Amino acid sequence: MSVLKEINDTNVIARQKIERNMLSFRNALSLMILTRTRDSNLMRNALKLAQSEIRVLALIKLLYPELIQN
């Protein structure tokens, strides 16, 4: 019982971290579009975040397909 609760708590924390990263990426992307920025550092950071987000989602989809709806 305790192990299942610990796994569930870990899944909740992981989901929250993923949601925060996705929100950060969306915010950075929105800012770039709205300001039509040519700031290479902002663009580079947004792209790095997008790449890591894609890798994390792919790994989660492999390990826990029931968590990914689409």
PDB file of N, CA and C in Angstrom:
ATOM      1  N   MET A   1       0.823  -1.189   0.000  1.00  0.00           N
ATOM      2  CA  MET A   1       0.000   0.000   0.000  1.00  0.00           C
ATOM      3  C   MET A   1       0.870   1.257   0.000  1.00  0.00           C
ATOM      4  N   SER A   2       1.891   1.262   0.827  1.00  0.00           N
ATOM      5  CA  SER A   2       2.782   2.415   0.931  1.00  0.00           C
ATOM      6  C   SER A   2       3.555   2.633  -0.371  1.00  0.00           C
ATOM      7  N   VAL A   3       3.950   1.524  -1.004  1.00  0.00           N
ATOM      8  CA  VAL A   3       4.690   1.625  -2.264  1.00  0.00           C
ATOM      9  C   VAL A   3       3.815   2.241  -3.348  1.00  0.00           C
ATOM     10  N   LEU A   4       2.548   1.832  -3.402  1.00  0.00           N
ATOM     11  CA  LEU A   4       1.633   2.397  -4.397  1.00  0.00           C
ATOM     12  C   LEU A   4       1.418   3.886  -4.170  1.00  0.00           C
ATOM     13  N   LYS A   5       1.303   4.297  -2.914  1.00  0.00           N
ATOM     14  CA  LYS A   5       1.128   5.721  -2.612  1.00  0.00           C
ATOM     15  C   LYS A   5       2.376   6.497  -3.029  1.00  0.00           C
ATOM     16  N   GLU A   6       3.538   5.927  -2.775  1.00  0.00           N
ATOM     17  CA  GLU A   6       4.797   6.582  -3.143  1.00  0.00           C
ATOM     18  C   GLU A   6       4.908   6.730  -4.664  1.00  0.00           C
ATOM     19  N   ILE A   7       4.527   5.692  -5.408  1.00  0.00           N
ATOM     20  CA  ILE A   7       4.542   5.750  -6.868  1.00  0.00           C
ATOM     21  C   ILE A   7       3.569   6.815  -7.364  1.00  0.00           C
ATOM     22  N   ASN A   8       2.377   6.852  -6.773  1.00  0.00           N
ATOM     23  CA  ASN A   8       1.384   7.844  -7.164  1.00  0.00           C
ATOM     24  C   ASN A   8       1.890   9.257  -6.877  1.00  0.00           C
ATOM     25  N   ASP A   9       2.498   9.461  -5.716  1.00  0.00           N
ATOM     26  CA  ASP A   9       3.050  10.778  -5.374  1.00  0.00           C
ATOM     27  C   ASP A   9       4.129  11.185  -6.368  1.00  0.00           C
ATOM     28  N   THR A  10       4.978  10.226  -6.745  1.00  0.00           N
ATOM     29  CA  THR A  10       6.036  10.501  -7.719  1.00  0.00           C
ATOM     30  C   THR A  10       5.441  10.872  -9.070  1.00  0.00           C
ATOM     31  N   ASN A  11       4.373  10.166  -9.486  1.00  0.00           N
ATOM     32  CA  ASN A  11       3.714  10.476 -10.756  1.00  0.00           C
ATOM     33  C   ASN A  11       3.111  11.872 -10.737  1.00  0.00           C
ATOM     34  N   VAL A  12       2.518  12.258  -9.608  1.00  0.00           N
ATOM     35  CA  VAL A  12       1.923  13.591  -9.489  1.00  0.00           C
ATOM     36  C   VAL A  12       3.004  14.659  -9.602  1.00  0.00           C
ATOM     37  N   ILE A  13       4.116  14.456  -8.924  1.00  0.00           N
ATOM     38  CA  ILE A  13       5.225  15.414  -8.981  1.00  0.00           C
ATOM     39  C   ILE A  13       5.773  15.511 -10.397  1.00  0.00           C
ATOM     40  N   ALA A  14       5.949  14.364 -11.048  1.00  0.00           N
ATOM     41  CA  ALA A  14       6.464  14.361 -12.427  1.00  0.00           C
ATOM     42  C   ALA A  14       5.515  15.095 -13.358  1.00  0.00           C
ATOM     43  N   ARG A  15       4.219  14.848 -13.203  1.00  0.00           N
ATOM     44  CA  ARG A  15       3.221  15.511 -14.049  1.00  0.00           C
ATOM     45  C   ARG A  15       3.256  17.033 -13.840  1.00  0.00           C
ATOM     46  N   GLN A  16       3.402  17.465 -12.586  1.00  0.00           N
ATOM     47  CA  GLN A  16       3.466  18.898 -12.288  1.00  0.00           C
ATOM     48  C   GLN A  16       4.698  19.538 -12.925  1.00  0.00           C
ATOM     49  N   LYS A  17       5.836  18.843 -12.859  1.00  0.00           N
ATOM     50  CA  LYS A  17       7.066  19.373 -13.465  1.00  0.00           C
ATOM     51  C   LYS A  17       6.919  19.486 -14.972  1.00  0.00           C
ATOM     52  N   ILE A  18       6.312  18.488 -15.585  1.00  0.00           N
ATOM     53  CA  ILE A  18       6.103  18.512 -17.041  1.00  0.00           C
ATOM     54  C   ILE A  18       5.186  19.667 -17.415  1.00  0.00           C
ATOM     55  N   GLU A  19       4.107  19.845 -16.646  1.00  0.00           N
ATOM     56  CA  GLU A  19       3.177  20.939 -16.938  1.00  0.00           C
ATOM     57  C   GLU A  19       3.881  22.300 -16.803  1.00  0.00           C
ATOM     58  N   ARG A  20       4.731  22.458 -15.796  1.00  0.00           N
ATOM     59  CA  ARG A  20       5.467  23.725 -15.625  1.00  0.00           C
ATOM     60  C   ARG A  20       6.413  23.963 -16.795  1.00  0.00           C
ATOM     61  N   ASN A  21       7.112  22.919 -17.230  1.00  0.00           N
ATOM     62  CA  ASN A  21       8.023  23.073 -18.367  1.00  0.00           C
ATOM     63  C   ASN A  21       7.277  23.437 -19.636  1.00  0.00           C
ATOM     64  N   MET A  22       6.122  22.791 -19.858  1.00  0.00           N
ATOM     65  CA  MET A  22       5.341  23.088 -21.052  1.00  0.00           C
ATOM     66  C   MET A  22       4.838  24.521 -20.998  1.00  0.00           C
ATOM     67  N   LEU A  23       4.432  24.972 -19.816  1.00  0.00           N
ATOM     68  CA  LEU A  23       3.960  26.344 -19.660  1.00  0.00           C
ATOM     69  C   LEU A  23       5.103  27.323 -19.918  1.00  0.00           C
ATOM     70  N   SER A  24       6.284  27.014 -19.409  1.00  0.00           N
ATOM     71  CA  SER A  24       7.445  27.882 -19.635  1.00  0.00           C
ATOM     72  C   SER A  24       7.768  27.982 -21.122  1.00  0.00           C
ATOM     73  N   PHE A  25       7.718  26.842 -21.810  1.00  0.00           N
ATOM     74  CA  PHE A  25       7.992  26.849 -23.242  1.00  0.00           C
ATOM     75  C   PHE A  25       6.954  27.672 -23.986  1.00  0.00           C
ATOM     76  N   ARG A  26       5.681  27.469 -23.646  1.00  0.00           N
ATOM     77  CA  ARG A  26       4.619  28.229 -24.313  1.00  0.00           C
ATOM     78  C   ARG A  26       4.763  29.720 -24.047  1.00  0.00           C
ATOM     79  N   ASN A  27       5.125  30.076 -22.822  1.00  0.00           N
ATOM     80  CA  ASN A  27       5.310  31.496 -22.501  1.00  0.00           C
ATOM     81  C   ASN A  27       6.468  32.091 -23.301  1.00  0.00           C
ATOM     82  N   ALA A  28       7.568  31.367 -23.387  1.00  0.00           N
ATOM     83  CA  ALA A  28       8.719  31.861 -24.142  1.00  0.00           C
ATOM     84  C   ALA A  28       8.380  31.993 -25.616  1.00  0.00           C
ATOM     85  N   LEU A  29       7.679  31.010 -26.144  1.00  0.00           N
ATOM     86  CA  LEU A  29       7.292  31.041 -27.549  1.00  0.00           C
ATOM     87  C   LEU A  29       6.332  32.196 -27.819  1.00  0.00           C
ATOM     88  N   SER A  30       5.354  32.378 -26.931  1.00  0.00           N
ATOM     89  CA  SER A  30       4.406  33.488 -27.084  1.00  0.00           C
ATOM     90  C   SER A  30       5.128  34.826 -27.044  1.00  0.00           C
ATOM     91  N   LEU A  31       6.061  34.966 -26.129  1.00  0.00           N
ATOM     92  CA  LEU A  31       6.822  36.212 -26.015  1.00  0.00           C
ATOM     93  C   LEU A  31       7.609  36.482 -27.288  1.00  0.00           C
ATOM     94  N   MET A  32       8.233  35.430 -27.833  1.00  0.00           N
ATOM     95  CA  MET A  32       8.998  35.604 -29.071  1.00  0.00           C
ATOM     96  C   MET A  32       8.089  36.049 -30.206  1.00  0.00           C
ATOM     97  N   ILE A  33       6.917  35.434 -30.315  1.00  0.00           N
ATOM     98  CA  ILE A  33       5.992  35.775 -31.395  1.00  0.00           C
ATOM     99  C   ILE A  33       5.461  37.191 -31.219  1.00  0.00           C
ATOM    100  N   LEU A  34       5.037  37.519 -29.995  1.00  0.00           N
ATOM    101  CA  LEU A  34       4.446  38.824 -29.743  1.00  0.00           C
ATOM    102  C   LEU A  34       5.431  39.964 -29.966  1.00  0.00           C
ATOM    103  N   THR A  35       6.671  39.760 -29.571  1.00  0.00           N
ATOM    104  CA  THR A  35       7.660  40.836 -29.694  1.00  0.00           C
ATOM    105  C   THR A  35       8.448  40.747 -30.995  1.00  0.00           C
ATOM    106  N   ARG A  36       8.207  39.672 -31.743  1.00  0.00           N
ATOM    107  CA  ARG A  36       8.969  39.412 -32.970  1.00  0.00           C
ATOM    108  C   ARG A  36      10.466  39.546 -32.695  1.00  0.00           C
ATOM    109  N   THR A  37      10.853  38.945 -31.601  1.00  0.00           N
ATOM    110  CA  THR A  37      12.223  39.088 -31.131  1.00  0.00           C
ATOM    111  C   THR A  37      13.217  38.383 -32.041  1.00  0.00           C
ATOM    112  N   ARG A  38      14.383  38.938 -32.074  1.00  0.00           N
ATOM    113  CA  ARG A  38      15.511  38.295 -32.758  1.00  0.00           C
ATOM    114  C   ARG A  38      16.569  37.921 -31.720  1.00  0.00           C
ATOM    115  N   ASP A  39      16.149  37.908 -30.463  1.00  0.00           N
ATOM    116  CA  ASP A  39      17.056  37.588 -29.360  1.00  0.00           C
ATOM    117  C   ASP A  39      17.452  36.117 -29.459  1.00  0.00           C
ATOM    118  N   SER A  40      18.680  35.880 -29.850  1.00  0.00           N
ATOM    119  CA  SER A  40      19.114  34.496 -30.084  1.00  0.00           C
ATOM    120  C   SER A  40      19.146  33.685 -28.790  1.00  0.00           C
ATOM    121  N   ASN A  41      19.452  34.309 -27.659  1.00  0.00           N
ATOM    122  CA  ASN A  41      19.476  33.556 -26.397  1.00  0.00           C
ATOM    123  C   ASN A  41      18.081  33.066 -26.027  1.00  0.00           C
ATOM    124  N   LEU A  42      17.090  33.931 -26.163  1.00  0.00           N
ATOM    125  CA  LEU A  42      15.709  33.539 -25.859  1.00  0.00           C
ATOM    126  C   LEU A  42      15.263  32.432 -26.802  1.00  0.00           C
ATOM    127  N   MET A  43      15.566  32.566 -28.070  1.00  0.00           N
ATOM    128  CA  MET A  43      15.175  31.547 -29.048  1.00  0.00           C
ATOM    129  C   MET A  43      15.883  30.222 -28.757  1.00  0.00           C
ATOM    130  N   ARG A  44      17.167  30.288 -28.449  1.00  0.00           N
ATOM    131  CA  ARG A  44      17.939  29.077 -28.159  1.00  0.00           C
ATOM    132  C   ARG A  44      17.378  28.372 -26.922  1.00  0.00           C
ATOM    133  N   ASN A  45      17.071  29.132 -25.882  1.00  0.00           N
ATOM    134  CA  ASN A  45      16.525  28.535 -24.659  1.00  0.00           C
ATOM    135  C   ASN A  45      15.156  27.911 -24.909  1.00  0.00           C
ATOM    136  N   ALA A  46      14.318  28.581 -25.686  1.00  0.00           N
ATOM    137  CA  ALA A  46      12.992  28.028 -25.993  1.00  0.00           C
ATOM    138  C   ALA A  46      13.135  26.733 -26.791  1.00  0.00           C
ATOM    139  N   LEU A  47      14.069  26.705 -27.729  1.00  0.00           N
ATOM    140  CA  LEU A  47      14.263  25.487 -28.526  1.00  0.00           C
ATOM    141  C   LEU A  47      14.816  24.346 -27.672  1.00  0.00           C
ATOM    142  N   LYS A  48      15.733  24.653 -26.760  1.00  0.00           N
ATOM    143  CA  LYS A  48      16.267  23.622 -25.860  1.00  0.00           C
ATOM    144  C   LYS A  48      15.153  23.056 -24.997  1.00  0.00           C
ATOM    145  N   LEU A  49      14.304  23.948 -24.495  1.00  0.00           N
ATOM    146  CA  LEU A  49      13.193  23.509 -23.666  1.00  0.00           C
ATOM    147  C   LEU A  49      12.245  22.631 -24.472  1.00  0.00           C
ATOM    148  N   ALA A  50      11.982  23.016 -25.709  1.00  0.00           N
ATOM    149  CA  ALA A  50      11.091  22.220 -26.565  1.00  0.00           C
ATOM    150  C   ALA A  50      11.681  20.842 -26.819  1.00  0.00           C
ATOM    151  N   GLN A  51      12.989  20.778 -27.068  1.00  0.00           N
ATOM    152  CA  GLN A  51      13.628  19.489 -27.325  1.00  0.00           C
ATOM    153  C   GLN A  51      13.557  18.596 -26.095  1.00  0.00           C
ATOM    154  N   SER A  52      13.821  19.168 -24.918  1.00  0.00           N
ATOM    155  CA  SER A  52      13.767  18.348 -23.707  1.00  0.00           C
ATOM    156  C   SER A  52      12.339  17.932 -23.399  1.00  0.00           C
ATOM    157  N   GLU A  53      11.374  18.812 -23.682  1.00  0.00           N
ATOM    158  CA  GLU A  53       9.962  18.479 -23.467  1.00  0.00           C
ATOM    159  C   GLU A  53       9.565  17.298 -24.337  1.00  0.00           C
ATOM    160  N   ILE A  54       9.980  17.316 -25.591  1.00  0.00           N
ATOM    161  CA  ILE A  54       9.646  16.226 -26.518  1.00  0.00           C
ATOM    162  C   ILE A  54      10.276  14.919 -26.049  1.00  0.00           C
ATOM    163  N   ARG A  55      11.531  14.978 -25.598  1.00  0.00           N
ATOM    164  CA  ARG A  55      12.198  13.767 -25.111  1.00  0.00           C
ATOM    165  C   ARG A  55      11.495  13.203 -23.876  1.00  0.00           C
ATOM    166  N   VAL A  56      11.134  14.094 -22.944  1.00  0.00           N
ATOM    167  CA  VAL A  56      10.466  13.651 -21.723  1.00  0.00           C
ATOM    168  C   VAL A  56       9.110  13.029 -22.050  1.00  0.00           C
ATOM    169  N   LEU A  57       8.342  13.682 -22.916  1.00  0.00           N
ATOM    170  CA  LEU A  57       7.028  13.141 -23.275  1.00  0.00           C
ATOM    171  C   LEU A  57       7.157  11.797 -23.988  1.00  0.00           C
ATOM    172  N   ALA A  58       8.162  11.647 -24.836  1.00  0.00           N
ATOM    173  CA  ALA A  58       8.370  10.370 -25.529  1.00  0.00           C
ATOM    174  C   ALA A  58       8.720   9.268 -24.529  1.00  0.00           C
ATOM    175  N   LEU A  59       9.561   9.603 -23.559  1.00  0.00           N
ATOM    176  CA  LEU A  59       9.938   8.623 -22.545  1.00  0.00           C
ATOM    177  C   LEU A  59       8.737   8.230 -21.686  1.00  0.00           C
ATOM    178  N   ILE A  60       7.944   9.216 -21.300  1.00  0.00           N
ATOM    179  CA  ILE A  60       6.751   8.923 -20.501  1.00  0.00           C
ATOM    180  C   ILE A  60       5.770   8.075 -21.298  1.00  0.00           C
ATOM    181  N   LYS A  61       5.630   8.387 -22.571  1.00  0.00           N
ATOM    182  CA  LYS A  61       4.705   7.607 -23.415  1.00  0.00           C
ATOM    183  C   LYS A  61       5.157   6.150 -23.508  1.00  0.00           C
ATOM    184  N   LEU A  62       6.481   5.933 -23.551  1.00  0.00           N
ATOM    185  CA  LEU A  62       6.990   4.555 -23.575  1.00  0.00           C
ATOM    186  C   LEU A  62       6.767   3.843 -22.247  1.00  0.00           C
ATOM    187  N   LEU A  63       7.060   4.543 -21.145  1.00  0.00           N
ATOM    188  CA  LEU A  63       6.989   3.914 -19.833  1.00  0.00           C
ATOM    189  C   LEU A  63       5.572   3.845 -19.269  1.00  0.00           C
ATOM    190  N   TYR A  64       4.784   4.899 -19.520  1.00  0.00           N
ATOM    191  CA  TYR A  64       3.440   4.980 -18.954  1.00  0.00           C
ATOM    192  C   TYR A  64       2.448   5.418 -20.026  1.00  0.00           C
ATOM    193  N   PRO A  65       2.144   4.561 -20.986  1.00  0.00           N
ATOM    194  CA  PRO A  65       1.253   4.962 -22.085  1.00  0.00           C
ATOM    195  C   PRO A  65      -0.137   5.393 -21.609  1.00  0.00           C
ATOM    196  N   GLU A  66      -0.557   4.904 -20.441  1.00  0.00           N
ATOM    197  CA  GLU A  66      -1.881   5.271 -19.943  1.00  0.00           C
ATOM    198  C   GLU A  66      -1.954   6.734 -19.482  1.00  0.00           C
ATOM    199  N   LEU A  67      -0.805   7.370 -19.237  1.00  0.00           N
ATOM    200  CA  LEU A  67      -0.798   8.772 -18.812  1.00  0.00           C
ATOM    201  C   LEU A  67      -0.987   9.739 -19.973  1.00  0.00           C
ATOM    202  N   ILE A  68      -0.628   9.297 -21.175  1.00  0.00           N
ATOM    203  CA  ILE A  68      -0.721  10.160 -22.354  1.00  0.00           C
ATOM    204  C   ILE A  68      -2.027   9.835 -23.069  1.00  0.00           C
ATOM    205  N   GLN A  69      -2.909  10.814 -23.131  1.00  0.00           N
ATOM    206  CA  GLN A  69      -4.218  10.589 -23.742  1.00  0.00           C
ATOM    207  C   GLN A  69      -4.138  10.580 -25.257  1.00  0.00           C
ATOM    208  N   ASN A  70      -3.373  11.501 -25.858  1.00  0.00           N
ATOM    209  CA  ASN A  70      -3.277  11.597 -27.325  1.00  0.00           C
ATOM    210  C   ASN A  70      -1.959  11.062 -27.794  1.00  0.00           C
TER     211      ASN A  70
END
